[in-house]
Structure formats: C-alpha cells, structure tokens
C-alpha atoms as a PDB file:
ATOM      1  CA  MET A   1      -2.199 -21.884  -1.932  1.00  0.00           C
ATOM      2  CA  LYS A   2       1.905 -20.793  -3.157  1.00  0.00           C
ATOM      3  CA  LEU A   3       3.603 -17.206  -2.620  1.00  0.00           C
ATOM      4  CA  SER A   4       6.643 -17.051  -4.103  1.00  0.00           C
ATOM      5  CA  LEU A   5       8.782 -14.465  -2.917  1.00  0.00           C
ATOM      6  CA  LEU A   6      12.099 -12.095  -4.276  1.00  0.00           C
ATOM      7  CA  LEU A   7      14.023 -10.154  -1.937  1.00  0.00           C
ATOM      8  CA  VAL A   8      16.210  -8.023  -3.519  1.00  0.00           C
ATOM      9  CA  CYS A   9      18.341  -6.474  -0.801  1.00  0.00           C
ATOM     10  CA  CYS A  10      21.930  -4.452  -1.861  1.00  0.00           C
ATOM     11  CA  PHE A  11      -5.469  10.076  16.658  1.00  0.00           C
ATOM     12  CA  CYS A  12      -6.858  10.648  14.872  1.00  0.00           C
ATOM     13  CA  SER A  13      -9.567  12.966  15.847  1.00  0.00           C
ATOM     14  CA  VAL A  14     -13.431  12.108  14.541  1.00  0.00           C
ATOM     15  CA  GLY A  15     -14.755  15.503  15.798  1.00  0.00           C
ATOM     16  CA  ILE A  16     -13.379  17.909  13.755  1.00  0.00           C
ATOM     17  CA  TYR A  17     -13.434  15.848  10.332  1.00  0.00           C
ATOM     18  CA  ALA A  18     -16.164  17.928   7.894  1.00  0.00           C
ATOM     19  CA  GLN A  19     -17.925  15.215   5.951  1.00  0.00           C
ATOM     20  CA  GLN A  20     -19.823  14.943   2.956  1.00  0.00           C
ATOM     21  CA  PRO A  21     -21.619  11.963   1.464  1.00  0.00           C
ATOM     22  CA  ILE A  22     -19.994  10.563  -2.156  1.00  0.00           C
ATOM     23  CA  SER A  23     -21.403   8.367  -4.040  1.00  0.00           C
ATOM     24  CA  GLY A  24     -20.301   6.612  -7.762  1.00  0.00           C
ATOM     25  CA  ARG A  25     -20.250   3.304  -9.842  1.00  0.00           C
ATOM     26  CA  VAL A  26     -17.860   0.401  -9.945  1.00  0.00           C
ATOM     27  CA  PHE A  27     -17.586   0.302 -13.768  1.00  0.00           C
ATOM     28  CA  VAL A  28     -15.380  -2.381 -16.106  1.00  0.00           C
ATOM     29  CA  ASP A  29     -14.281   0.125 -18.179  1.00  0.00           C
ATOM     30  CA  LYS A  30     -13.825  -1.333 -21.327  1.00  0.00           C
ATOM     31  CA  ASN A  31     -13.402   0.884 -23.992  1.00  0.00           C
ATOM     32  CA  GLN A  32     -11.211   2.451 -21.650  1.00  0.00           C
ATOM     33  CA  ASN A  33     -12.531   6.017 -21.785  1.00  0.00           C
ATOM     34  CA  ALA A  34     -12.873   5.900 -18.219  1.00  0.00           C
ATOM     35  CA  ILE A  35     -16.133   7.228 -18.420  1.00  0.00           C
ATOM     36  CA  PHE A  36     -19.067   4.747 -17.850  1.00  0.00           C
ATOM     37  CA  ASP A  37     -21.072   4.258 -20.288  1.00  0.00           C
ATOM     38  CA  THR A  38     -24.266   2.068 -21.607  1.00  0.00           C
ATOM     39  CA  GLY A  39     -24.047  -1.095 -21.620  1.00  0.00           C
ATOM     40  CA  GLU A  40     -20.429  -1.616 -19.625  1.00  0.00           C
ATOM     41  CA  GLN A  41     -20.706  -4.010 -16.803  1.00  0.00           C
ATOM     42  CA  VAL A  42     -20.912  -3.122 -13.066  1.00  0.00           C
ATOM     43  CA  LEU A  43     -19.714  -4.168 -10.029  1.00  0.00           C
ATOM     44  CA  GLY A  44     -21.133  -5.528  -6.808  1.00  0.00           C
ATOM     45  CA  GLY A  45     -20.115  -6.460  -3.492  1.00  0.00           C
ATOM     46  CA  VAL A  46     -17.017  -3.923  -4.537  1.00  0.00           C
ATOM     47  CA  LEU A  47     -15.585  -2.043  -1.418  1.00  0.00           C
ATOM     48  CA  ILE A  48     -15.135   1.016  -0.587  1.00  0.00           C
ATOM     49  CA  SER A  49     -13.057   3.209   2.417  1.00  0.00           C
ATOM     50  CA  ASN A  50     -12.581   6.667   3.397  1.00  0.00           C
ATOM     51  CA  GLY A  51      -9.526   5.273   5.849  1.00  0.00           C
ATOM     52  CA  LYS A  52     -12.441   4.118   8.472  1.00  0.00           C
ATOM     53  CA  ASP A  53     -16.226   3.334   7.298  1.00  0.00           C
ATOM     54  CA  ILE A  54     -16.319   0.476   4.928  1.00  0.00           C
ATOM     55  CA  VAL A  55     -19.223   0.353   2.317  1.00  0.00           C
ATOM     56  CA  ALA A  56     -19.815  -1.910  -0.335  1.00  0.00           C
ATOM     57  CA  THR A  57     -21.040  -1.071  -3.948  1.00  0.00           C
ATOM     58  CA  ASN A  58     -25.153  -2.268  -4.685  1.00  0.00           C
ATOM     59  CA  SER A  59     -26.024  -4.852  -7.576  1.00  0.00           C
ATOM     60  CA  SER A  60     -26.172  -1.505  -9.488  1.00  0.00           C
ATOM     61  CA  GLY A  61     -22.539  -0.977  -8.646  1.00  0.00           C
ATOM     62  CA  ILE A  62     -22.657   2.320  -7.256  1.00  0.00           C
ATOM     63  CA  TYR A  63     -21.474   3.205  -3.225  1.00  0.00           C
ATOM     64  CA  GLN A  64     -21.917   5.938  -1.338  1.00  0.00           C
ATOM     65  CA  ILE A  65     -19.412   6.739   2.092  1.00  0.00           C
ATOM     66  CA  THR A  66     -18.655  10.161   3.841  1.00  0.00           C
ATOM     67  CA  HIS A  67     -16.127  12.197   3.335  1.00  0.00           C
ATOM     68  CA  LEU A  68     -13.401  11.985   6.111  1.00  0.00           C
ATOM     69  CA  LYS A  69     -11.705  15.178   6.001  1.00  0.00           C
ATOM     70  CA  GLY A  70      -7.774  14.843   5.355  1.00  0.00           C
ATOM     71  CA  ASN A  71      -8.769  11.720   4.105  1.00  0.00           C
ATOM     72  CA  PRO A  72      -8.756  10.200   0.766  1.00  0.00           C
ATOM     73  CA  ILE A  73     -10.964   7.736  -0.787  1.00  0.00           C
ATOM     74  CA  PHE A  74     -10.180   4.345  -2.286  1.00  0.00           C
ATOM     75  CA  LEU A  75     -11.512   0.649  -3.454  1.00  0.00           C
ATOM     76  CA  ILE A  76      -9.840  -2.433  -2.039  1.00  0.00           C
ATOM     77  CA  LYS A  77      -9.458  -3.646  -5.673  1.00  0.00           C
ATOM     78  CA  PRO A  78     -11.254  -6.958  -6.282  1.00  0.00           C
ATOM     79  CA  ALA A  79      -9.322  -9.578  -7.708  1.00  0.00           C
ATOM     80  CA  GLN A  80      -9.308 -10.153 -11.018  1.00  0.00           C
ATOM     81  CA  TYR A  81      -9.682  -6.677 -11.931  1.00  0.00           C
ATOM     82  CA  ILE A  82      -7.170  -3.744 -11.381  1.00  0.00           C
ATOM     83  CA  SER A  83      -7.266  -0.160 -11.650  1.00  0.00           C
ATOM     84  CA  LYS A  84      -5.624   2.353 -14.716  1.00  0.00           C
ATOM     85  CA  GLN A  85      -1.939   2.987 -14.058  1.00  0.00           C
ATOM     86  CA  VAL A  86       0.333   6.436 -14.510  1.00  0.00           C
ATOM     87  CA  SER A  87       3.395   7.115 -13.747  1.00  0.00           C
ATOM     88  CA  GLY A  88       3.569   3.484 -12.674  1.00  0.00           C
ATOM     89  CA  CYS A  89       0.756   4.511  -9.585  1.00  0.00           C
ATOM     90  CA  ILE A  90      -2.240   2.322  -9.604  1.00  0.00           C
ATOM     91  CA  GLN A  91      -4.894   5.086  -9.522  1.00  0.00           C
ATOM     92  CA  PHE A  92      -7.342   2.950  -7.248  1.00  0.00           C
ATOM     93  CA  TYR A  93      -8.460   6.334  -5.117  1.00  0.00           C
ATOM     94  CA  ILE A  94     -10.211   9.459  -5.290  1.00  0.00           C
ATOM     95  CA  SER A  95      -7.525  12.473  -3.818  1.00  0.00           C
ATOM     96  CA  GLU A  96      -8.483  14.944  -1.951  1.00  0.00           C
ATOM     97  CA  LYS A  97      -8.380  17.306  -4.202  1.00  0.00           C
ATOM     98  CA  ALA A  98     -10.841  15.600  -6.677  1.00  0.00           C
ATOM     99  CA  LEU A  99     -13.395  15.172  -4.094  1.00  0.00           C
ATOM    100  CA  ALA A 100     -13.426  19.362  -3.678  1.00  0.00           C
ATOM    101  CA  THR A 101     -14.366  19.237  -6.960  1.00  0.00           C
ATOM    102  CA  GLY A 102     -18.053  17.463  -6.692  1.00  0.00           C
ATOM    103  CA  ASN A 103     -19.660  14.770  -5.217  1.00  0.00           C
ATOM    104  CA  VAL A 104     -19.734  12.022  -7.466  1.00  0.00           C
ATOM    105  CA  HIS A 105     -16.485   9.860  -8.266  1.00  0.00           C
ATOM    106  CA  ASP A 106     -16.789   6.440 -10.663  1.00  0.00           C
ATOM    107  CA  PHE A 107     -13.918   4.090 -10.142  1.00  0.00           C
ATOM    108  CA  PRO A 108     -13.191   1.995 -13.219  1.00  0.00           C
ATOM    109  CA  LEU A 109     -11.723  -0.683 -13.342  1.00  0.00           C
ATOM    110  CA  TYR A 110      -9.725  -3.054 -15.825  1.00  0.00           C
ATOM    111  CA  ARG A 111     -10.361  -6.488 -16.301  1.00  0.00           C
ATOM    112  CA  HIS A 112      -6.167  -8.432 -14.994  1.00  0.00           C
ATOM    113  CA  ALA A 113      -5.769 -12.564 -14.528  1.00  0.00           C
ATOM    114  CA  GLU A 114      -3.929 -13.141 -11.396  1.00  0.00           C
ATOM    115  CA  ARG A 115      -3.012 -16.804 -10.524  1.00  0.00           C
ATOM    116  CA  ASP A 116      -3.446 -18.050  -7.650  1.00  0.00           C
ATOM    117  CA  SER A 117       0.253 -19.059  -6.568  1.00  0.00           C
ATOM    118  CA  LEU A 118       2.049 -15.916  -7.182  1.00  0.00           C
ATOM    119  CA  SER A 119       5.712 -14.458  -7.133  1.00  0.00           C
ATOM    120  CA  LEU A 120       6.594 -11.555  -5.086  1.00  0.00           C
ATOM    121  CA  ALA A 121       9.325  -8.653  -5.165  1.00  0.00           C
ATOM    122  CA  LEU A 122       9.878  -6.692  -2.382  1.00  0.00           C
ATOM    123  CA  LEU A 123      11.765  -4.260  -1.955  1.00  0.00           C
ATOM    124  CA  GLY A 124      13.199  -2.954   1.733  1.00  0.00           C
ATOM    125  CA  ASP A 125      14.572   0.954   1.580  1.00  0.00           C
ATOM    126  CA  PRO A 126      15.033   2.153  -1.513  1.00  0.00           C
ATOM    127  CA  GLN A 127      15.983   5.027   0.182  1.00  0.00           C
ATOM    128  CA  VAL A 128      16.861   7.762  -2.661  1.00  0.00           C
ATOM    129  CA  ASP A 129      17.519  11.767  -2.910  1.00  0.00           C
ATOM    130  CA  ALA A 130      19.256  12.004  -5.769  1.00  0.00           C
ATOM    131  CA  MET A 131      18.566  11.252 -10.026  1.00  0.00           C
ATOM    132  CA  ASP A 132      21.913   9.493  -9.208  1.00  0.00           C
ATOM    133  CA  ASP A 133      20.210   6.085  -6.716  1.00  0.00           C
ATOM    134  CA  VAL A 134      17.848   6.418  -9.307  1.00  0.00           C
ATOM    135  CA  PHE A 135      20.190   5.673 -11.588  1.00  0.00           C
ATOM    136  CA  HIS A 136      21.262   2.838  -8.915  1.00  0.00           C
ATOM    137  CA  VAL A 137      17.838   1.312  -8.248  1.00  0.00           C
ATOM    138  CA  ASP A 138      17.685   0.578 -12.430  1.00  0.00           C
ATOM    139  CA  GLN A 139      20.589  -0.363 -12.356  1.00  0.00           C
ATOM    140  CA  LEU A 140      20.560  -2.714  -9.468  1.00  0.00           C
ATOM    141  CA  VAL A 141      16.170  -3.549  -9.710  1.00  0.00           C
ATOM    142  CA  VAL A 142      14.549  -2.668 -12.633  1.00  0.00           C
ATOM    143  CA  GLN A 143      17.532  -4.122 -15.339  1.00  0.00           C
ATOM    144  CA  GLU A 144      17.701  -8.047 -12.749  1.00  0.00           C
ATOM    145  CA  LEU A 145      13.981  -8.122 -12.302  1.00  0.00           C
ATOM    146  CA  ALA A 146      12.347  -6.489 -16.155  1.00  0.00           C
ATOM    147  CA  GLY A 147      11.106  -9.606 -18.144  1.00  0.00           C
ATOM    148  CA  LYS A 148      10.529 -11.641 -15.018  1.00  0.00           C
ATOM    149  CA  PRO A 149       7.170 -13.064 -14.489  1.00  0.00           C
ATOM    150  CA  LEU A 150       6.351 -11.293 -11.280  1.00  0.00           C
ATOM    151  CA  ASP A 151       2.754 -10.666 -10.333  1.00  0.00           C
ATOM    152  CA  PHE A 152       3.816  -7.591  -8.706  1.00  0.00           C
ATOM    153  CA  ILE A 153       6.132  -5.352  -6.423  1.00  0.00           C
ATOM    154  CA  VAL A 154       6.454  -4.118  -2.791  1.00  0.00           C
ATOM    155  CA  PRO A 155       8.165  -1.551  -2.244  1.00  0.00           C
ATOM    156  CA  LEU A 156       9.111  -1.738   1.818  1.00  0.00           C
ATOM    157  CA  GLY A 157       8.978   2.247   2.140  1.00  0.00           C
ATOM    158  CA  ASP A 158      11.869   4.234   2.700  1.00  0.00           C
ATOM    159  CA  LEU A 159      11.193   5.023  -0.721  1.00  0.00           C
ATOM    160  CA  SER A 160      13.226   8.595  -0.370  1.00  0.00           C
ATOM    161  CA  PHE A 161      15.212   9.936   1.980  1.00  0.00           C
ATOM    162  CA  ASP A 162      13.016  13.123   3.033  1.00  0.00           C
ATOM    163  CA  ASN A 163      13.207  14.649  -0.631  1.00  0.00           C
ATOM    164  CA  HIS A 164       9.481  13.749  -1.935  1.00  0.00           C
ATOM    165  CA  LYS A 165      10.258  14.841  -4.869  1.00  0.00           C
ATOM    166  CA  ILE A 166      11.828  11.820  -5.816  1.00  0.00           C
ATOM    167  CA  PHE A 167       9.206   9.796  -5.502  1.00  0.00           C
ATOM    168  CA  ARG A 168       7.850  10.556  -9.677  1.00  0.00           C
ATOM    169  CA  PRO A 169      11.617   8.900 -11.226  1.00  0.00           C
ATOM    170  CA  LEU A 170      11.971   6.615  -8.781  1.00  0.00           C
ATOM    171  CA  ALA A 171       8.587   5.070  -9.301  1.00  0.00           C
ATOM    172  CA  GLN A 172       9.248   5.609 -13.328  1.00  0.00           C
ATOM    173  CA  SER A 173      12.136   3.603 -13.133  1.00  0.00           C
ATOM    174  CA  LEU A 174      10.330   0.840 -11.486  1.00  0.00           C
ATOM    175  CA  SER A 175       7.813   1.257 -13.615  1.00  0.00           C
ATOM    176  CA  LEU A 176       9.472   0.155 -16.213  1.00  0.00           C
ATOM    177  CA  ILE A 177       9.996  -3.581 -14.651  1.00  0.00           C
ATOM    178  CA  GLY A 178       5.754  -4.364 -15.979  1.00  0.00           C
ATOM    179  CA  ALA A 179       4.408  -5.347 -13.401  1.00  0.00           C
ATOM    180  CA  PRO A 180       2.137  -3.317 -10.381  1.00  0.00           C
ATOM    181  CA  VAL A 181       4.187  -2.147  -7.487  1.00  0.00           C
ATOM    182  CA  PHE A 182       1.844  -1.332  -4.120  1.00  0.00           C
ATOM    183  CA  TYR A 183       3.397   1.215  -2.398  1.00  0.00           C
ATOM    184  CA  VAL A 184       4.742   1.306   1.579  1.00  0.00           C
ATOM    185  CA  MET A 185       5.273   4.188   3.620  1.00  0.00           C
ATOM    186  CA  GLY A 186       7.965   4.928   4.761  1.00  0.00           C
ATOM    187  CA  ASN A 187       9.490   7.037   8.170  1.00  0.00           C
ATOM    188  CA  HIS A 188      11.698   9.232   5.441  1.00  0.00           C
ATOM    189  CA  ASP A 189       8.031   9.823   3.395  1.00  0.00           C
ATOM    190  CA  MET A 190       6.529  10.912   5.881  1.00  0.00           C
ATOM    191  CA  ASP A 191       5.431  14.864   5.945  1.00  0.00           C
ATOM    192  CA  TYR A 192       8.146  16.295   9.234  1.00  0.00           C
ATOM    193  CA  TYR A 193       5.751  19.668  11.373  1.00  0.00           C
ATOM    194  CA  SER A 194       2.845  18.166  10.180  1.00  0.00           C
ATOM    195  CA  GLN A 195      -0.042  19.417  12.611  1.00  0.00           C
ATOM    196  CA  ASP A 196      -2.026  15.946  12.923  1.00  0.00           C
ATOM    197  CA  ILE A 197      -2.209  12.975  12.350  1.00  0.00           C
ATOM    198  CA  SER A 198      -4.372  13.318   9.466  1.00  0.00           C
ATOM    199  CA  GLN A 199      -0.970  15.524   7.249  1.00  0.00           C
ATOM    200  CA  ARG A 200       1.326  12.872   8.075  1.00  0.00           C
ATOM    201  CA  ASP A 201       1.192  11.582   4.471  1.00  0.00           C
ATOM    202  CA  LYS A 202       0.141  14.504   2.290  1.00  0.00           C
ATOM    203  CA  SER A 203       2.848  14.289  -0.336  1.00  0.00           C
ATOM    204  CA  PHE A 204       2.697  10.613   0.070  1.00  0.00           C
ATOM    205  CA  GLU A 205      -0.783  10.835  -0.495  1.00  0.00           C
ATOM    206  CA  ASN A 206      -0.295  12.969  -3.369  1.00  0.00           C
ATOM    207  CA  PHE A 207       1.696  10.532  -5.698  1.00  0.00           C
ATOM    208  CA  PHE A 208       0.859   7.345  -4.553  1.00  0.00           C
ATOM    209  CA  GLY A 209      -2.877   7.531  -3.516  1.00  0.00           C
ATOM    210  CA  PRO A 210      -3.515   6.818   0.858  1.00  0.00           C
ATOM    211  CA  SER A 211      -0.767   4.921   2.681  1.00  0.00           C
ATOM    212  CA  TYR A 212      -2.641   2.074   4.040  1.00  0.00           C
ATOM    213  CA  TYR A 213      -5.155  -0.002   1.866  1.00  0.00           C
ATOM    214  CA  ALA A 214      -5.274  -3.551   1.103  1.00  0.00           C
ATOM    215  CA  PHE A 215      -6.003  -5.797  -2.043  1.00  0.00           C
ATOM    216  CA  GLU A 216      -6.792  -8.795  -3.404  1.00  0.00           C
ATOM    217  CA  TYR A 217      -4.948 -10.450  -6.420  1.00  0.00           C
ATOM    218  CA  GLY A 218      -5.741 -14.070  -7.209  1.00  0.00           C
ATOM    219  CA  ASN A 219      -7.283 -15.759  -3.916  1.00  0.00           C
ATOM    220  CA  GLN A 220      -4.824 -13.739  -1.423  1.00  0.00           C
ATOM    221  CA  LEU A 221      -5.476 -10.844   0.616  1.00  0.00           C
ATOM    222  CA  PHE A 222      -3.273  -8.001   1.387  1.00  0.00           C
ATOM    223  CA  LEU A 223      -3.022  -5.817   4.146  1.00  0.00           C
ATOM    224  CA  VAL A 224      -0.769  -2.034   3.928  1.00  0.00           C
ATOM    225  CA  LEU A 225      -0.204  -0.214   6.650  1.00  0.00           C
ATOM    226  CA  ASN A 226       1.440   3.493   7.902  1.00  0.00           C
ATOM    227  CA  ASN A 227       2.402   2.113  11.036  1.00  0.00           C
ATOM    228  CA  ILE A 228       4.622   5.507  11.364  1.00  0.00           C
ATOM    229  CA  PHE A 229       3.119   7.629  13.587  1.00  0.00           C
ATOM    230  CA  PRO A 230       4.459  10.924  14.183  1.00  0.00           C
ATOM    231  CA  ILE A 231       6.043  12.069  18.004  1.00  0.00           C
ATOM    232  CA  GLY A 232       6.896  15.584  18.087  1.00  0.00           C
ATOM    233  CA  GLU A 233       8.657  18.178  14.671  1.00  0.00           C
ATOM    234  CA  LYS A 234      10.557  15.496  13.184  1.00  0.00           C
ATOM    235  CA  GLY A 235      10.399  12.269  15.323  1.00  0.00           C
ATOM    236  CA  TYR A 236       8.199   8.689  15.011  1.00  0.00           C
ATOM    237  CA  ILE A 237       7.261   5.652  16.411  1.00  0.00           C
ATOM    238  CA  GLY A 238       5.848   1.919  15.192  1.00  0.00           C
ATOM    239  CA  LYS A 239       2.443   2.304  15.836  1.00  0.00           C
ATOM    240  CA  LEU A 240      -1.271   2.727  13.886  1.00  0.00           C
ATOM    241  CA  ASP A 241      -3.800   5.589  14.507  1.00  0.00           C
ATOM    242  CA  GLU A 242      -7.037   4.849  15.823  1.00  0.00           C
ATOM    243  CA  GLY A 243      -8.815   5.752  12.481  1.00  0.00           C
ATOM    244  CA  GLN A 244      -6.381   2.964  10.539  1.00  0.00           C
ATOM    245  CA  LYS A 245      -7.733   0.245  12.949  1.00  0.00           C
ATOM    246  CA  ALA A 246     -11.198   1.097  12.376  1.00  0.00           C
ATOM    247  CA  PHE A 247     -10.447   0.225   8.955  1.00  0.00           C
ATOM    248  CA  VAL A 248      -8.171  -2.527   9.695  1.00  0.00           C
ATOM    249  CA  ARG A 249     -10.967  -4.382  12.109  1.00  0.00           C
ATOM    250  CA  LYS A 250     -13.431  -3.679   9.448  1.00  0.00           C
ATOM    251  CA  LEU A 251     -11.517  -5.033   6.401  1.00  0.00           C
ATOM    252  CA  LEU A 252     -10.914  -7.903   8.518  1.00  0.00           C
ATOM    253  CA  HIS A 253     -14.053  -8.639   9.502  1.00  0.00           C
ATOM    254  CA  LEU A 254     -15.792  -8.131   6.601  1.00  0.00           C
ATOM    255  CA  LYS A 255     -13.027 -10.872   4.610  1.00  0.00           C
ATOM    256  CA  LYS A 256     -12.298 -13.624   7.062  1.00  0.00           C
ATOM    257  CA  SER A 257     -15.187 -16.057   5.491  1.00  0.00           C
ATOM    258  CA  GLU A 258     -13.250 -15.236   2.456  1.00  0.00           C
ATOM    259  CA  HIS A 259      -9.874 -16.049   3.488  1.00  0.00           C
ATOM    260  CA  ARG A 260      -8.279 -18.175   6.456  1.00  0.00           C
ATOM    261  CA  SER A 261      -4.537 -16.198   5.426  1.00  0.00           C
ATOM    262  CA  LEU A 262      -3.179 -12.154   5.329  1.00  0.00           C
ATOM    263  CA  LYS A 263      -0.321 -11.259   4.304  1.00  0.00           C
ATOM    264  CA  VAL A 264       0.270  -7.307   5.488  1.00  0.00           C
ATOM    265  CA  PHE A 265       2.915  -5.357   3.882  1.00  0.00           C
ATOM    266  CA  MET A 266       4.182  -2.191   6.683  1.00  0.00           C
ATOM    267  CA  HIS A 267       7.754  -0.162   6.640  1.00  0.00           C
ATOM    268  CA  ILE A 268       8.542  -0.401  10.875  1.00  0.00           C
ATOM    269  CA  PRO A 269       8.974  -4.599  11.711  1.00  0.00           C
ATOM    270  CA  LEU A 270       5.571  -5.764  14.227  1.00  0.00           C
ATOM    271  CA  GLU A 271       8.760  -5.963  17.285  1.00  0.00           C
ATOM    272  CA  GLU A 272       9.291  -2.114  17.011  1.00  0.00           C
ATOM    273  CA  MET A 273       5.920  -1.685  17.225  1.00  0.00           C
ATOM    274  CA  GLU A 274       5.222   0.200  20.773  1.00  0.00           C
ATOM    275  CA  ASP A 275       1.237  -1.343  20.097  1.00  0.00           C
ATOM    276  CA  GLN A 276       2.664  -5.206  19.027  1.00  0.00           C
ATOM    277  CA  ASP A 277      -0.056  -6.930  21.184  1.00  0.00           C
ATOM    278  CA  GLU A 278      -3.162  -4.978  19.542  1.00  0.00           C
ATOM    279  CA  VAL A 279      -1.852  -5.369  16.176  1.00  0.00           C
ATOM    280  CA  ILE A 280      -1.027  -9.038  16.374  1.00  0.00           C
ATOM    281  CA  ALA A 281      -4.864  -9.205  17.858  1.00  0.00           C
ATOM    282  CA  LEU A 282      -6.658  -7.384  15.191  1.00  0.00           C
ATOM    283  CA  PHE A 283      -5.058 -10.250  12.772  1.00  0.00           C
ATOM    284  CA  ASN A 284      -6.743 -13.105  15.175  1.00  0.00           C
ATOM    285  CA  GLU A 285      -9.671 -14.487  12.581  1.00  0.00           C
ATOM    286  CA  PHE A 286      -6.978 -15.761  10.247  1.00  0.00           C
ATOM    287  CA  GLU A 287      -4.957 -18.959  10.499  1.00  0.00           C
ATOM    288  CA  ASN A 288      -2.234 -17.939   8.718  1.00  0.00           C
ATOM    289  CA  VAL A 289      -1.262 -14.281   8.753  1.00  0.00           C
ATOM    290  CA  PHE A 290       2.774 -13.485   7.091  1.00  0.00           C
ATOM    291  CA  ILE A 291       4.256  -9.569   7.410  1.00  0.00           C
ATOM    292  CA  ALA A 292       6.690  -8.599   5.508  1.00  0.00           C
ATOM    293  CA  ALA A 293       8.465  -5.380   6.802  1.00  0.00           C
ATOM    294  CA  GLY A 294      11.644  -2.418   6.412  1.00  0.00           C
ATOM    295  CA  HIS A 295      14.026  -0.406   7.855  1.00  0.00           C
ATOM    296  CA  THR A 296      16.470  -2.079   9.430  1.00  0.00           C
ATOM    297  CA  HIS A 297      18.199  -2.391   6.377  1.00  0.00           C
ATOM    298  CA  THR A 298      19.039  -5.818   7.323  1.00  0.00           C
ATOM    299  CA  GLN A 299      17.552  -8.894   6.615  1.00  0.00           C
ATOM    300  CA  TYR A 300      16.075 -11.662   9.266  1.00  0.00           C
ATOM    301  CA  GLN A 301      12.891 -13.378  10.102  1.00  0.00           C
ATOM    302  CA  LYS A 302      10.640 -13.697  13.182  1.00  0.00           C
ATOM    303  CA  TYR A 303       7.574 -15.762  14.423  1.00  0.00           C
ATOM    304  CA  PHE A 304       5.387 -14.029  16.752  1.00  0.00           C
ATOM    305  CA  GLU A 305       3.408 -17.239  18.744  1.00  0.00           C
ATOM    306  CA  ARG A 306      -0.369 -16.689  19.476  1.00  0.00           C
ATOM    307  CA  THR A 307      -2.904 -18.760  21.295  1.00  0.00           C
ATOM    308  CA  LYS A 308      -4.248 -21.367  19.408  1.00  0.00           C
ATOM    309  CA  LYS A 309      -3.036 -20.002  16.187  1.00  0.00           C
ATOM    310  CA  LYS A 310      -0.061 -20.361  13.986  1.00  0.00           C
ATOM    311  CA  ALA A 311       2.606 -18.573  14.833  1.00  0.00           C
ATOM    312  CA  ILE A 312       2.943 -14.681  12.714  1.00  0.00           C
ATOM    313  CA  HIS A 313       5.831 -14.742  10.245  1.00  0.00           C
ATOM    314  CA  GLU A 314       7.947 -12.362   9.900  1.00  0.00           C
ATOM    315  CA  LEU A 315       9.934 -11.305   7.205  1.00  0.00           C
ATOM    316  CA  VAL A 316      12.333  -8.068   7.550  1.00  0.00           C
ATOM    317  CA  ALA A 317      13.779  -7.857   3.735  1.00  0.00           C
ATOM    318  CA  GLY A 318      17.377  -5.878   4.041  1.00  0.00           C
ATOM    319  CA  ALA A 319      17.595  -2.648   2.050  1.00  0.00           C
ATOM    320  CA  VAL A 320      18.167  -1.894  -2.044  1.00  0.00           C
ATOM    321  CA  CYS A 321      20.133   1.714  -0.897  1.00  0.00           C
ATOM    322  CA  GLY A 322      22.249  -0.727   1.235  1.00  0.00           C
ATOM    323  CA  ALA A 323      24.275   1.449   3.239  1.00  0.00           C
ATOM    324  CA  TRP A 324      22.941   4.349   2.382  1.00  0.00           C
ATOM    325  CA  TRP A 325      23.899   4.343  -1.843  1.00  0.00           C
ATOM    326  CA  GLN A 326      27.861   4.743   0.099  1.00  0.00           C
ATOM    327  CA  GLY A 327      30.847   2.930  -0.737  1.00  0.00           C
ATOM    328  CA  PRO A 328      33.062   1.994  -4.001  1.00  0.00           C
ATOM    329  CA  HIS A 329      30.731   1.961  -7.296  1.00  0.00           C
ATOM    330  CA  ASP A 330      31.171  -1.160  -8.869  1.00  0.00           C
ATOM    331  CA  LEU A 331      31.759  -1.233 -12.782  1.00  0.00           C
ATOM    332  CA  GLN A 332      27.453  -0.946 -13.664  1.00  0.00           C
ATOM    333  CA  GLY A 333      28.592   2.159 -11.004  1.00  0.00           C
ATOM    334  CA  VAL A 334      26.967   0.616  -8.257  1.00  0.00           C
ATOM    335  CA  PRO A 335      28.353   1.448  -4.821  1.00  0.00           C
END
C-alpha cells in the first residue's frame, strides 16, 4: 500500500460518570435529509464509541452504548463513507449538548469514493491568534493546496494560540481546499484551569468533536490521539489518560485482523511523552506503525526500535506558523 504525504511547514475518573444508554442507527442517507427513510440502506458492523467502550452496529444498523458524562459519542468512520461536513468539520459525533435532548441519535453516512494509495497534507502548528493569521494560512496553505488531488488534510494540533474563538474562521478557511479535514488537538487548544480530565478539551470538542478518535480511509486505519495531559492550572505533559488508552486497546484489538499497518496523528512527539514505552506497547499487534506529530516547530524523522517488529517511524512536521507569524512580510503579506 502506498501513502503519499505533503508537509506544509512554513485520570479518567470512571466513578463520577453518569451512565445513560444511547441508541440509534447508522444508515446511508441517500436523499441527504439526515433522517432514516424507508428503503435506505443500513450499515452493520460499524463501530461506535463513547470514548472508552466500543460497540458495533447489528445487521439492522442499530447500536446501543452507555453515555459517559464528559464524552461525546462518535462513529469510527468506515471506508468509502463519510459524515456530513459543516463549516469545514466532519460531523461524525453526537455532542454532549445533543445527547441531553434525548436517548436516540442516528448517524447518517454518505458514499465517499476512496483510493487505497493516498495523498495527505500534514499541517504542523498553524497556531493562529488573530484574523491576520488566518489570512496568512489562506495565502500560505489554502491557495497552495486548493485544487490538488488530496485525499484529506490533518492539522497536527496547536490550531490556535490560546484563542479558541479562532477555530471557526480557521476551519472555514481550510475547508476551501476541498478535501476532508481531520483535526488534532494541541496544548494551545486546551482549556486551561480544567477541574478534571474530561474538561480539558471542551472548547475543541464543542467545535471539532472528540479530541481522540479513529477512522478508516481506503484500506487503511488511522488513529488520532490527544496526548495533552493537563498539570495544574495551565501546565501539561505528553501522556495519554486511562480512558483513552482503554479506547485504543479495544479499537486495535478489533481491527488487528483487518489491518497490518497503523497511522497515528498526535501533537506532542512520541519521544517527549512520559508514557512512551506504554504507548509503543499499545501498537504491538501492528507490523507497520507511522506517527505524525507537531509541537516542536522543527521538522525531523525518528525511529523507535521494537522487538521482532519493524521500527515505528515518526515524522515531526514543522510548523505552518514558522516563528509564530513573526518577522518581515513577503509580497503576499505573509511573515
């Protein structure tokens, strides 16, 4: 299988969860009205998660799963299908706000032709803070990539510079490229002063959806991690929380017979994670593991040796913002 990458560089506390069963149907929304109509195709075997547990839809496309307080419920995108896109964001999840309105929530999907040999754009640290920065992204990224035959785009975290109100204009700008965008959360996208782990990603989650998830595209499996673990009021370390690890273990166990390779997107590079060895062990069932990260504003590659398995290949993708959008401007107005 072939993967072509385009780089653009310039305590989970289970005891407090309020449990509530949620059910619904996964179906092909042929008439695109977001409502299941008689005769529309249902999809069995599609995975649904609450951020910890994973269930599969039955032959009638029906799922049932417990709602864990603090978590959305989301679909693990199957190959050749995609959810509706709104304001540049893929709607593959049921938000906590929506979950509060009732216990039945369907997932409409749409057919989406996908190749096995993929071309991706990895965007390290856009880190926009003001509309001027969004303009710079438009000049540097959007106009460069628009019209190119990309399968999808992955901004690798630090989408903002602590200004979460900028999420919408950034996403709207990147949507003009014309390819689906799968977002990663970075430390500057975190909600500071969070009282518990489930609150660290509320601003990100309210706009982009869950901060960790997975999807299949073509014949490949992709895993998006949130490795920003809050410490104190504004600090953080590179680490996965226990709920997220449980999700990853279950997902990879379910998918190991279908996929020999795994592609992982996260913000902090593996070598800077405090639980590096445990994270590497999570991927033991997969012969080929590729990781793309950001965070350092530098570009390099690194390999992590494994016993009787190929080394994990990591690519750190630099930063779209360069030196935080500082410096003299060129003729296009970009620092």
